[in-house]
């Protein structure tokens, strides 16, 4: 009976490690996007809201600077196109663009 419990615990441990590895692999993928890098990598000088991703970034320094402008060359998009955007909302969308 004890060997069954040991086997179940071992199988559970293997599944947990394998599952964690599969989830971490997804952290090394960038979106296929016009202003993103093909694979993530370090970018020491990311601007403002993009800085949390500096150790494994999908955007370049220039992209991070442009994402913070109200109208940038990135997508020719104005953050305030529907009226003045709240700062917290704007921060969310800038972080989304960085990520």
PDB file of N, CA and C in Angstrom:
ATOM      1  N   UNK A   1       0.817  -1.192   0.000  1.00  0.00           N
ATOM      2  CA  UNK A   1       0.000   0.000   0.000  1.00  0.00           C
ATOM      3  C   UNK A   1       0.867   1.265   0.000  1.00  0.00           C
ATOM      4  N   UNK A   2       1.948   1.253   0.766  1.00  0.00           N
ATOM      5  CA  UNK A   2       2.833   2.414   0.853  1.00  0.00           C
ATOM      6  C   UNK A   2       3.496   2.698  -0.493  1.00  0.00           C
ATOM      7  N   UNK A   3       3.801   1.653  -1.272  1.00  0.00           N
ATOM      8  CA  UNK A   3       4.441   1.866  -2.572  1.00  0.00           C
ATOM      9  C   UNK A   3       3.495   2.572  -3.528  1.00  0.00           C
ATOM     10  N   UNK A   4       2.185   2.323  -3.398  1.00  0.00           N
ATOM     11  CA  UNK A   4       1.205   3.017  -4.248  1.00  0.00           C
ATOM     12  C   UNK A   4       1.178   4.515  -3.930  1.00  0.00           C
ATOM     13  N   UNK A   5       1.196   4.826  -2.660  1.00  0.00           N
ATOM     14  CA  UNK A   5       1.211   6.227  -2.235  1.00  0.00           C
ATOM     15  C   UNK A   5       2.485   6.918  -2.713  1.00  0.00           C
ATOM     16  N   UNK A   6       3.617   6.224  -2.591  1.00  0.00           N
ATOM     17  CA  UNK A   6       4.889   6.775  -3.056  1.00  0.00           C
ATOM     18  C   UNK A   6       4.851   6.998  -4.555  1.00  0.00           C
ATOM     19  N   UNK A   7       4.320   6.056  -5.293  1.00  0.00           N
ATOM     20  CA  UNK A   7       4.216   6.186  -6.751  1.00  0.00           C
ATOM     21  C   UNK A   7       3.310   7.358  -7.120  1.00  0.00           C
ATOM     22  N   UNK A   8       2.194   7.498  -6.448  1.00  0.00           N
ATOM     23  CA  UNK A   8       1.285   8.621  -6.726  1.00  0.00           C
ATOM     24  C   UNK A   8       1.946   9.960  -6.419  1.00  0.00           C
ATOM     25  N   UNK A   9       2.663  10.040  -5.319  1.00  0.00           N
ATOM     26  CA  UNK A   9       3.372  11.274  -4.972  1.00  0.00           C
ATOM     27  C   UNK A   9       4.450  11.597  -6.001  1.00  0.00           C
ATOM     28  N   UNK A  10       5.168  10.588  -6.445  1.00  0.00           N
ATOM     29  CA  UNK A  10       6.213  10.787  -7.447  1.00  0.00           C
ATOM     30  C   UNK A  10       5.609  11.246  -8.773  1.00  0.00           C
ATOM     31  N   UNK A  11       4.526  10.623  -9.197  1.00  0.00           N
ATOM     32  CA  UNK A  11       3.857  11.029 -10.435  1.00  0.00           C
ATOM     33  C   UNK A  11       3.323  12.455 -10.334  1.00  0.00           C
ATOM     34  N   UNK A  12       2.793  12.804  -9.158  1.00  0.00           N
ATOM     35  CA  UNK A  12       2.310  14.166  -8.939  1.00  0.00           C
ATOM     36  C   UNK A  12       3.436  15.180  -9.021  1.00  0.00           C
ATOM     37  N   UNK A  13       4.583  14.845  -8.457  1.00  0.00           N
ATOM     38  CA  UNK A  13       5.745  15.731  -8.503  1.00  0.00           C
ATOM     39  C   UNK A  13       6.232  15.919  -9.937  1.00  0.00           C
ATOM     40  N   UNK A  14       6.319  14.834 -10.701  1.00  0.00           N
ATOM     41  CA  UNK A  14       6.745  14.917 -12.104  1.00  0.00           C
ATOM     42  C   UNK A  14       5.767  15.779 -12.895  1.00  0.00           C
ATOM     43  N   UNK A  15       4.494  15.595 -12.699  1.00  0.00           N
ATOM     44  CA  UNK A  15       3.483  16.391 -13.407  1.00  0.00           C
ATOM     45  C   UNK A  15       3.594  17.867 -13.041  1.00  0.00           C
ATOM     46  N   UNK A  16       3.831  18.159 -11.783  1.00  0.00           N
ATOM     47  CA  UNK A  16       3.949  19.558 -11.349  1.00  0.00           C
ATOM     48  C   UNK A  16       5.178  20.215 -11.976  1.00  0.00           C
ATOM     49  N   UNK A  17       6.299  19.525 -11.985  1.00  0.00           N
ATOM     50  CA  UNK A  17       7.523  20.077 -12.575  1.00  0.00           C
ATOM     51  C   UNK A  17       7.345  20.261 -14.073  1.00  0.00           C
ATOM     52  N   UNK A  18       6.784  19.283 -14.753  1.00  0.00           N
ATOM     53  CA  UNK A  18       6.567  19.381 -16.197  1.00  0.00           C
ATOM     54  C   UNK A  18       5.605  20.524 -16.516  1.00  0.00           C
ATOM     55  N   UNK A  19       4.541  20.654 -15.737  1.00  0.00           N
ATOM     56  CA  UNK A  19       3.572  21.733 -15.954  1.00  0.00           C
ATOM     57  C   UNK A  19       4.189  23.098 -15.750  1.00  0.00           C
ATOM     58  N   UNK A  20       5.030  23.230 -14.736  1.00  0.00           N
ATOM     59  CA  UNK A  20       5.700  24.515 -14.482  1.00  0.00           C
ATOM     60  C   UNK A  20       6.647  24.850 -15.621  1.00  0.00           C
ATOM     61  N   UNK A  21       7.360  23.855 -16.140  1.00  0.00           N
ATOM     62  CA  UNK A  21       8.278  24.088 -17.259  1.00  0.00           C
ATOM     63  C   UNK A  21       7.505  24.530 -18.498  1.00  0.00           C
ATOM     64  N   UNK A  22       6.379  23.903 -18.783  1.00  0.00           N
ATOM     65  CA  UNK A  22       5.583  24.267 -19.950  1.00  0.00           C
ATOM     66  C   UNK A  22       5.065  25.699 -19.824  1.00  0.00           C
ATOM     67  N   UNK A  23       4.653  26.113 -18.639  1.00  0.00           N
ATOM     68  CA  UNK A  23       4.162  27.476 -18.444  1.00  0.00           C
ATOM     69  C   UNK A  23       5.288  28.492 -18.576  1.00  0.00           C
ATOM     70  N   UNK A  24       6.485  28.163 -18.119  1.00  0.00           N
ATOM     71  CA  UNK A  24       7.597  29.115 -18.201  1.00  0.00           C
ATOM     72  C   UNK A  24       8.051  29.304 -19.638  1.00  0.00           C
ATOM     73  N   UNK A  25       7.921  28.295 -20.470  1.00  0.00           N
ATOM     74  CA  UNK A  25       8.296  28.444 -21.879  1.00  0.00           C
ATOM     75  C   UNK A  25       7.487  29.541 -22.552  1.00  0.00           C
ATOM     76  N   UNK A  26       6.271  29.764 -22.105  1.00  0.00           N
ATOM     77  CA  UNK A  26       5.432  30.803 -22.695  1.00  0.00           C
ATOM     78  C   UNK A  26       5.949  32.201 -22.373  1.00  0.00           C
ATOM     79  N   UNK A  27       6.812  32.325 -21.373  1.00  0.00           N
ATOM     80  CA  UNK A  27       7.367  33.624 -21.020  1.00  0.00           C
ATOM     81  C   UNK A  27       8.455  34.067 -21.990  1.00  0.00           C
ATOM     82  N   UNK A  28       8.904  33.187 -22.851  1.00  0.00           N
ATOM     83  CA  UNK A  28       9.969  33.509 -23.794  1.00  0.00           C
ATOM     84  C   UNK A  28       9.465  33.622 -25.218  1.00  0.00           C
ATOM     85  N   UNK A  29       8.258  34.164 -25.352  1.00  0.00           N
ATOM     86  CA  UNK A  29       7.639  34.341 -26.660  1.00  0.00           C
ATOM     87  C   UNK A  29       7.141  35.777 -26.761  1.00  0.00           C
ATOM     88  N   UNK A  30       7.407  36.416 -27.885  1.00  0.00           N
ATOM     89  CA  UNK A  30       6.866  37.754 -28.152  1.00  0.00           C
ATOM     90  C   UNK A  30       5.730  37.645 -29.163  1.00  0.00           C
ATOM     91  N   UNK A  31       4.804  38.600 -29.088  1.00  0.00           N
ATOM     92  CA  UNK A  31       3.733  38.644 -30.077  1.00  0.00           C
ATOM     93  C   UNK A  31       4.335  38.952 -31.439  1.00  0.00           C
ATOM     94  N   UNK A  32       3.702  38.450 -32.474  1.00  0.00           N
ATOM     95  CA  UNK A  32       4.097  38.870 -33.818  1.00  0.00           C
ATOM     96  C   UNK A  32       3.458  40.221 -34.046  1.00  0.00           C
ATOM     97  N   UNK A  33       4.233  41.264 -33.889  1.00  0.00           N
ATOM     98  CA  UNK A  33       3.702  42.618 -34.000  1.00  0.00           C
ATOM     99  C   UNK A  33       4.736  43.511 -34.676  1.00  0.00           C
ATOM    100  N   UNK A  34       4.241  44.552 -35.271  1.00  0.00           N
ATOM    101  CA  UNK A  34       5.075  45.470 -36.050  1.00  0.00           C
ATOM    102  C   UNK A  34       6.229  46.058 -35.237  1.00  0.00           C
ATOM    103  N   UNK A  35       6.002  46.379 -33.987  1.00  0.00           N
ATOM    104  CA  UNK A  35       7.013  47.068 -33.183  1.00  0.00           C
ATOM    105  C   UNK A  35       7.556  46.232 -32.029  1.00  0.00           C
ATOM    106  N   UNK A  36       7.451  44.910 -32.126  1.00  0.00           N
ATOM    107  CA  UNK A  36       8.012  44.035 -31.105  1.00  0.00           C
ATOM    108  C   UNK A  36       9.169  43.238 -31.691  1.00  0.00           C
ATOM    109  N   UNK A  37      10.077  42.845 -30.822  1.00  0.00           N
ATOM    110  CA  UNK A  37      11.199  42.017 -31.242  1.00  0.00           C
ATOM    111  C   UNK A  37      10.695  40.591 -31.479  1.00  0.00           C
ATOM    112  N   UNK A  38      11.413  39.809 -32.290  1.00  0.00           N
ATOM    113  CA  UNK A  38      10.982  38.420 -32.522  1.00  0.00           C
ATOM    114  C   UNK A  38      11.079  37.547 -31.273  1.00  0.00           C
ATOM    115  N   UNK A  39      12.101  37.781 -30.440  1.00  0.00           N
ATOM    116  CA  UNK A  39      12.254  37.030 -29.187  1.00  0.00           C
ATOM    117  C   UNK A  39      12.609  38.013 -28.075  1.00  0.00           C
ATOM    118  N   UNK A  40      12.169  37.745 -26.852  1.00  0.00           N
ATOM    119  CA  UNK A  40      12.470  38.673 -25.753  1.00  0.00           C
ATOM    120  C   UNK A  40      13.941  38.625 -25.356  1.00  0.00           C
ATOM    121  N   UNK A  41      14.381  39.732 -24.815  1.00  0.00           N
ATOM    122  CA  UNK A  41      15.757  39.823 -24.336  1.00  0.00           C
ATOM    123  C   UNK A  41      15.910  41.053 -23.460  1.00  0.00           C
ATOM    124  N   UNK A  42      17.050  41.225 -22.846  1.00  0.00           N
ATOM    125  CA  UNK A  42      17.266  42.363 -21.955  1.00  0.00           C
ATOM    126  C   UNK A  42      17.292  43.695 -22.707  1.00  0.00           C
ATOM    127  N   UNK A  43      16.686  44.703 -22.102  1.00  0.00           N
ATOM    128  CA  UNK A  43      16.693  46.089 -22.604  1.00  0.00           C
ATOM    129  C   UNK A  43      16.844  46.970 -21.370  1.00  0.00           C
ATOM    130  N   UNK A  44      18.057  47.353 -21.043  1.00  0.00           N
ATOM    131  CA  UNK A  44      18.336  48.051 -19.788  1.00  0.00           C
ATOM    132  C   UNK A  44      17.695  49.424 -19.666  1.00  0.00           C
ATOM    133  N   UNK A  45      17.407  50.104 -20.773  1.00  0.00           N
ATOM    134  CA  UNK A  45      16.956  51.493 -20.707  1.00  0.00           C
ATOM    135  C   UNK A  45      15.494  51.680 -21.112  1.00  0.00           C
ATOM    136  N   UNK A  46      14.624  50.731 -20.782  1.00  0.00           N
ATOM    137  CA  UNK A  46      13.210  50.891 -21.115  1.00  0.00           C
ATOM    138  C   UNK A  46      12.633  52.074 -20.355  1.00  0.00           C
ATOM    139  N   UNK A  47      11.715  52.771 -20.979  1.00  0.00           N
ATOM    140  CA  UNK A  47      11.158  54.009 -20.438  1.00  0.00           C
ATOM    141  C   UNK A  47       9.904  53.748 -19.603  1.00  0.00           C
ATOM    142  N   UNK A  48       9.756  54.480 -18.523  1.00  0.00           N
ATOM    143  CA  UNK A  48       8.529  54.566 -17.727  1.00  0.00           C
ATOM    144  C   UNK A  48       7.832  53.259 -17.438  1.00  0.00           C
ATOM    145  N   UNK A  49       6.612  53.139 -17.942  1.00  0.00           N
ATOM    146  CA  UNK A  49       5.757  51.986 -17.645  1.00  0.00           C
ATOM    147  C   UNK A  49       6.308  50.681 -18.214  1.00  0.00           C
ATOM    148  N   UNK A  50       7.258  50.747 -19.115  1.00  0.00           N
ATOM    149  CA  UNK A  50       7.820  49.535 -19.724  1.00  0.00           C
ATOM    150  C   UNK A  50       8.970  48.940 -18.915  1.00  0.00           C
ATOM    151  N   UNK A  51       9.473  49.683 -17.949  1.00  0.00           N
ATOM    152  CA  UNK A  51      10.669  49.243 -17.216  1.00  0.00           C
ATOM    153  C   UNK A  51      10.525  47.906 -16.473  1.00  0.00           C
ATOM    154  N   UNK A  52       9.338  47.488 -16.026  1.00  0.00           N
ATOM    155  CA  UNK A  52       9.265  46.186 -15.357  1.00  0.00           C
ATOM    156  C   UNK A  52       9.707  45.014 -16.238  1.00  0.00           C
ATOM    157  N   UNK A  53       9.696  45.186 -17.552  1.00  0.00           N
ATOM    158  CA  UNK A  53      10.056  44.105 -18.475  1.00  0.00           C
ATOM    159  C   UNK A  53      11.496  44.212 -18.960  1.00  0.00           C
ATOM    160  N   UNK A  54      12.318  45.059 -18.346  1.00  0.00           N
ATOM    161  CA  UNK A  54      13.668  45.320 -18.868  1.00  0.00           C
ATOM    162  C   UNK A  54      14.555  44.076 -18.884  1.00  0.00           C
ATOM    163  N   UNK A  55      14.309  43.094 -18.030  1.00  0.00           N
ATOM    164  CA  UNK A  55      15.143  41.885 -18.022  1.00  0.00           C
ATOM    165  C   UNK A  55      14.767  40.893 -19.112  1.00  0.00           C
ATOM    166  N   UNK A  56      13.549  40.996 -19.627  1.00  0.00           N
ATOM    167  CA  UNK A  56      13.085  40.058 -20.658  1.00  0.00           C
ATOM    168  C   UNK A  56      12.026  40.752 -21.507  1.00  0.00           C
ATOM    169  N   UNK A  57      12.442  41.758 -22.275  1.00  0.00           N
ATOM    170  CA  UNK A  57      11.511  42.627 -22.985  1.00  0.00           C
ATOM    171  C   UNK A  57      11.283  42.196 -24.436  1.00  0.00           C
ATOM    172  N   UNK A  58      10.069  42.438 -24.889  1.00  0.00           N
ATOM    173  CA  UNK A  58       9.744  42.227 -26.296  1.00  0.00           C
ATOM    174  C   UNK A  58       9.789  43.540 -27.082  1.00  0.00           C
ATOM    175  N   UNK A  59       9.921  44.650 -26.392  1.00  0.00           N
ATOM    176  CA  UNK A  59      10.003  45.929 -27.101  1.00  0.00           C
ATOM    177  C   UNK A  59      11.393  46.536 -26.930  1.00  0.00           C
ATOM    178  N   UNK A  60      11.726  47.406 -27.860  1.00  0.00           N
ATOM    179  CA  UNK A  60      13.019  48.087 -27.813  1.00  0.00           C
ATOM    180  C   UNK A  60      12.891  49.369 -26.994  1.00  0.00           C
ATOM    181  N   UNK A  61      14.004  50.017 -26.756  1.00  0.00           N
ATOM    182  CA  UNK A  61      14.000  51.289 -26.032  1.00  0.00           C
ATOM    183  C   UNK A  61      13.160  52.311 -26.786  1.00  0.00           C
ATOM    184  N   UNK A  62      13.324  52.384 -28.107  1.00  0.00           N
ATOM    185  CA  UNK A  62      12.567  53.346 -28.912  1.00  0.00           C
ATOM    186  C   UNK A  62      11.064  53.085 -28.826  1.00  0.00           C
ATOM    187  N   UNK A  63      10.665  51.832 -28.890  1.00  0.00           N
ATOM    188  CA  UNK A  63       9.245  51.498 -28.775  1.00  0.00           C
ATOM    189  C   UNK A  63       8.713  51.918 -27.410  1.00  0.00           C
ATOM    190  N   UNK A  64       9.482  51.699 -26.357  1.00  0.00           N
ATOM    191  CA  UNK A  64       9.021  52.079 -25.024  1.00  0.00           C
ATOM    192  C   UNK A  64       8.884  53.595 -24.894  1.00  0.00           C
ATOM    193  N   UNK A  65       9.760  54.349 -25.526  1.00  0.00           N
ATOM    194  CA  UNK A  65       9.633  55.815 -25.511  1.00  0.00           C
ATOM    195  C   UNK A  65       8.393  56.259 -26.275  1.00  0.00           C
ATOM    196  N   UNK A  66       8.183  55.700 -27.455  1.00  0.00           N
ATOM    197  CA  UNK A  66       7.050  56.083 -28.300  1.00  0.00           C
ATOM    198  C   UNK A  66       5.708  55.707 -27.678  1.00  0.00           C
ATOM    199  N   UNK A  67       5.656  54.611 -26.930  1.00  0.00           N
ATOM    200  CA  UNK A  67       4.399  54.171 -26.312  1.00  0.00           C
ATOM    201  C   UNK A  67       3.876  55.190 -25.310  1.00  0.00           C
ATOM    202  N   UNK A  68       4.744  56.020 -24.753  1.00  0.00           N
ATOM    203  CA  UNK A  68       4.353  56.998 -23.752  1.00  0.00           C
ATOM    204  C   UNK A  68       3.866  58.316 -24.352  1.00  0.00           C
ATOM    205  N   UNK A  69       4.024  58.496 -25.645  1.00  0.00           N
ATOM    206  CA  UNK A  69       3.581  59.737 -26.282  1.00  0.00           C
ATOM    207  C   UNK A  69       2.084  59.665 -26.569  1.00  0.00           C
ATOM    208  N   UNK A  70       1.403  60.820 -26.500  1.00  0.00           N
ATOM    209  CA  UNK A  70      -0.030  60.829 -26.798  1.00  0.00           C
ATOM    210  C   UNK A  70      -0.298  60.436 -28.245  1.00  0.00           C
ATOM    211  N   UNK A  71       0.525  60.910 -29.143  1.00  0.00           N
ATOM    212  CA  UNK A  71       0.440  60.486 -30.545  1.00  0.00           C
ATOM    213  C   UNK A  71       1.850  60.062 -30.949  1.00  0.00           C
ATOM    214  N   UNK A  72       2.017  58.794 -31.295  1.00  0.00           N
ATOM    215  CA  UNK A  72       3.342  58.307 -31.640  1.00  0.00           C
ATOM    216  C   UNK A  72       3.326  57.672 -33.022  1.00  0.00           C
ATOM    217  N   UNK A  73       4.512  57.409 -33.537  1.00  0.00           N
ATOM    218  CA  UNK A  73       4.615  56.782 -34.842  1.00  0.00           C
ATOM    219  C   UNK A  73       4.228  55.309 -34.797  1.00  0.00           C
ATOM    220  N   UNK A  74       4.123  54.713 -33.601  1.00  0.00           N
ATOM    221  CA  UNK A  74       3.894  53.277 -33.500  1.00  0.00           C
ATOM    222  C   UNK A  74       2.686  52.817 -34.309  1.00  0.00           C
ATOM    223  N   UNK A  75       1.542  53.376 -33.999  1.00  0.00           N
ATOM    224  CA  UNK A  75       0.321  52.976 -34.707  1.00  0.00           C
ATOM    225  C   UNK A  75      -0.492  54.186 -35.146  1.00  0.00           C
ATOM    226  N   UNK A  76       0.111  55.372 -35.044  1.00  0.00           N
ATOM    227  CA  UNK A  76      -0.578  56.626 -35.371  1.00  0.00           C
ATOM    228  C   UNK A  76      -1.902  56.703 -34.600  1.00  0.00           C
ATOM    229  N   UNK A  77      -1.808  56.395 -33.315  1.00  0.00           N
ATOM    230  CA  UNK A  77      -2.985  56.316 -32.455  1.00  0.00           C
ATOM    231  C   UNK A  77      -2.884  57.371 -31.376  1.00  0.00           C
ATOM    232  N   UNK A  78      -3.990  58.030 -31.084  1.00  0.00           N
ATOM    233  CA  UNK A  78      -4.035  59.044 -30.038  1.00  0.00           C
ATOM    234  C   UNK A  78      -4.733  58.451 -28.817  1.00  0.00           C
ATOM    235  N   UNK A  79      -4.048  58.387 -27.689  1.00  0.00           N
ATOM    236  CA  UNK A  79      -4.636  57.822 -26.470  1.00  0.00           C
ATOM    237  C   UNK A  79      -5.926  58.546 -26.075  1.00  0.00           C
ATOM    238  N   UNK A  80      -6.032  59.810 -26.393  1.00  0.00           N
ATOM    239  CA  UNK A  80      -7.197  60.597 -25.985  1.00  0.00           C
ATOM    240  C   UNK A  80      -8.231  60.736 -27.101  1.00  0.00           C
ATOM    241  N   UNK A  81      -8.317  59.762 -27.980  1.00  0.00           N
ATOM    242  CA  UNK A  81      -9.233  59.878 -29.124  1.00  0.00           C
ATOM    243  C   UNK A  81     -10.710  59.911 -28.711  1.00  0.00           C
ATOM    244  N   UNK A  82     -11.055  59.436 -27.547  1.00  0.00           N
ATOM    245  CA  UNK A  82     -12.447  59.467 -27.072  1.00  0.00           C
ATOM    246  C   UNK A  82     -12.634  60.478 -25.942  1.00  0.00           C
ATOM    247  N   UNK A  83     -11.705  61.381 -25.782  1.00  0.00           N
ATOM    248  CA  UNK A  83     -11.720  62.309 -24.653  1.00  0.00           C
ATOM    249  C   UNK A  83     -10.521  62.025 -23.774  1.00  0.00           C
ATOM    250  N   UNK A  84     -10.337  62.835 -22.761  1.00  0.00           N
ATOM    251  CA  UNK A  84      -9.173  62.696 -21.884  1.00  0.00           C
ATOM    252  C   UNK A  84      -9.205  61.354 -21.159  1.00  0.00           C
ATOM    253  N   UNK A  85      -8.178  60.537 -21.380  1.00  0.00           N
ATOM    254  CA  UNK A  85      -8.101  59.223 -20.749  1.00  0.00           C
ATOM    255  C   UNK A  85      -7.579  59.379 -19.312  1.00  0.00           C
ATOM    256  N   UNK A  86      -8.175  58.652 -18.407  1.00  0.00           N
ATOM    257  CA  UNK A  86      -7.735  58.663 -17.015  1.00  0.00           C
ATOM    258  C   UNK A  86      -6.296  58.123 -16.932  1.00  0.00           C
ATOM    259  N   UNK A  87      -5.470  58.687 -16.051  1.00  0.00           N
ATOM    260  CA  UNK A  87      -4.076  58.247 -15.944  1.00  0.00           C
ATOM    261  C   UNK A  87      -3.917  56.739 -15.684  1.00  0.00           C
ATOM    262  N   UNK A  88      -4.735  56.158 -14.821  1.00  0.00           N
ATOM    263  CA  UNK A  88      -4.620  54.725 -14.530  1.00  0.00           C
ATOM    264  C   UNK A  88      -4.943  53.892 -15.768  1.00  0.00           C
ATOM    265  N   UNK A  89      -5.921  54.319 -16.531  1.00  0.00           N
ATOM    266  CA  UNK A  89      -6.299  53.616 -17.752  1.00  0.00           C
ATOM    267  C   UNK A  89      -5.182  53.742 -18.797  1.00  0.00           C
ATOM    268  N   UNK A  90      -4.645  54.946 -18.927  1.00  0.00           N
ATOM    269  CA  UNK A  90      -3.555  55.180 -19.874  1.00  0.00           C
ATOM    270  C   UNK A  90      -2.343  54.327 -19.490  1.00  0.00           C
ATOM    271  N   UNK A  91      -2.027  54.253 -18.194  1.00  0.00           N
ATOM    272  CA  UNK A  91      -0.908  53.434 -17.713  1.00  0.00           C
ATOM    273  C   UNK A  91      -1.113  51.973 -18.106  1.00  0.00           C
ATOM    274  N   UNK A  92      -2.347  51.476 -17.965  1.00  0.00           N
ATOM    275  CA  UNK A  92      -2.655  50.097 -18.338  1.00  0.00           C
ATOM    276  C   UNK A  92      -2.377  49.857 -19.820  1.00  0.00           C
ATOM    277  N   UNK A  93      -2.861  50.738 -20.675  1.00  0.00           N
ATOM    278  CA  UNK A  93      -2.688  50.545 -22.114  1.00  0.00           C
ATOM    279  C   UNK A  93      -1.235  50.718 -22.549  1.00  0.00           C
ATOM    280  N   UNK A  94      -0.495  51.585 -21.884  1.00  0.00           N
ATOM    281  CA  UNK A  94       0.936  51.737 -22.194  1.00  0.00           C
ATOM    282  C   UNK A  94       1.659  50.448 -21.811  1.00  0.00           C
ATOM    283  N   UNK A  95       1.347  49.892 -20.633  1.00  0.00           N
ATOM    284  CA  UNK A  95       1.973  48.635 -20.230  1.00  0.00           C
ATOM    285  C   UNK A  95       1.599  47.515 -21.187  1.00  0.00           C
ATOM    286  N   UNK A  96       0.377  47.507 -21.664  1.00  0.00           N
ATOM    287  CA  UNK A  96      -0.059  46.524 -22.632  1.00  0.00           C
ATOM    288  C   UNK A  96       0.747  46.644 -23.916  1.00  0.00           C
ATOM    289  N   UNK A  97       1.006  47.863 -24.356  1.00  0.00           N
ATOM    290  CA  UNK A  97       1.798  48.092 -25.559  1.00  0.00           C
ATOM    291  C   UNK A  97       3.241  47.634 -25.337  1.00  0.00           C
ATOM    292  N   UNK A  98       3.775  47.893 -24.155  1.00  0.00           N
ATOM    293  CA  UNK A  98       5.157  47.465 -23.844  1.00  0.00           C
ATOM    294  C   UNK A  98       5.283  45.960 -23.832  1.00  0.00           C
ATOM    295  N   UNK A  99       4.329  45.308 -23.205  1.00  0.00           N
ATOM    296  CA  UNK A  99       4.412  43.873 -23.042  1.00  0.00           C
ATOM    297  C   UNK A  99       4.354  43.181 -24.371  1.00  0.00           C
TER     298      UNK A  99
END
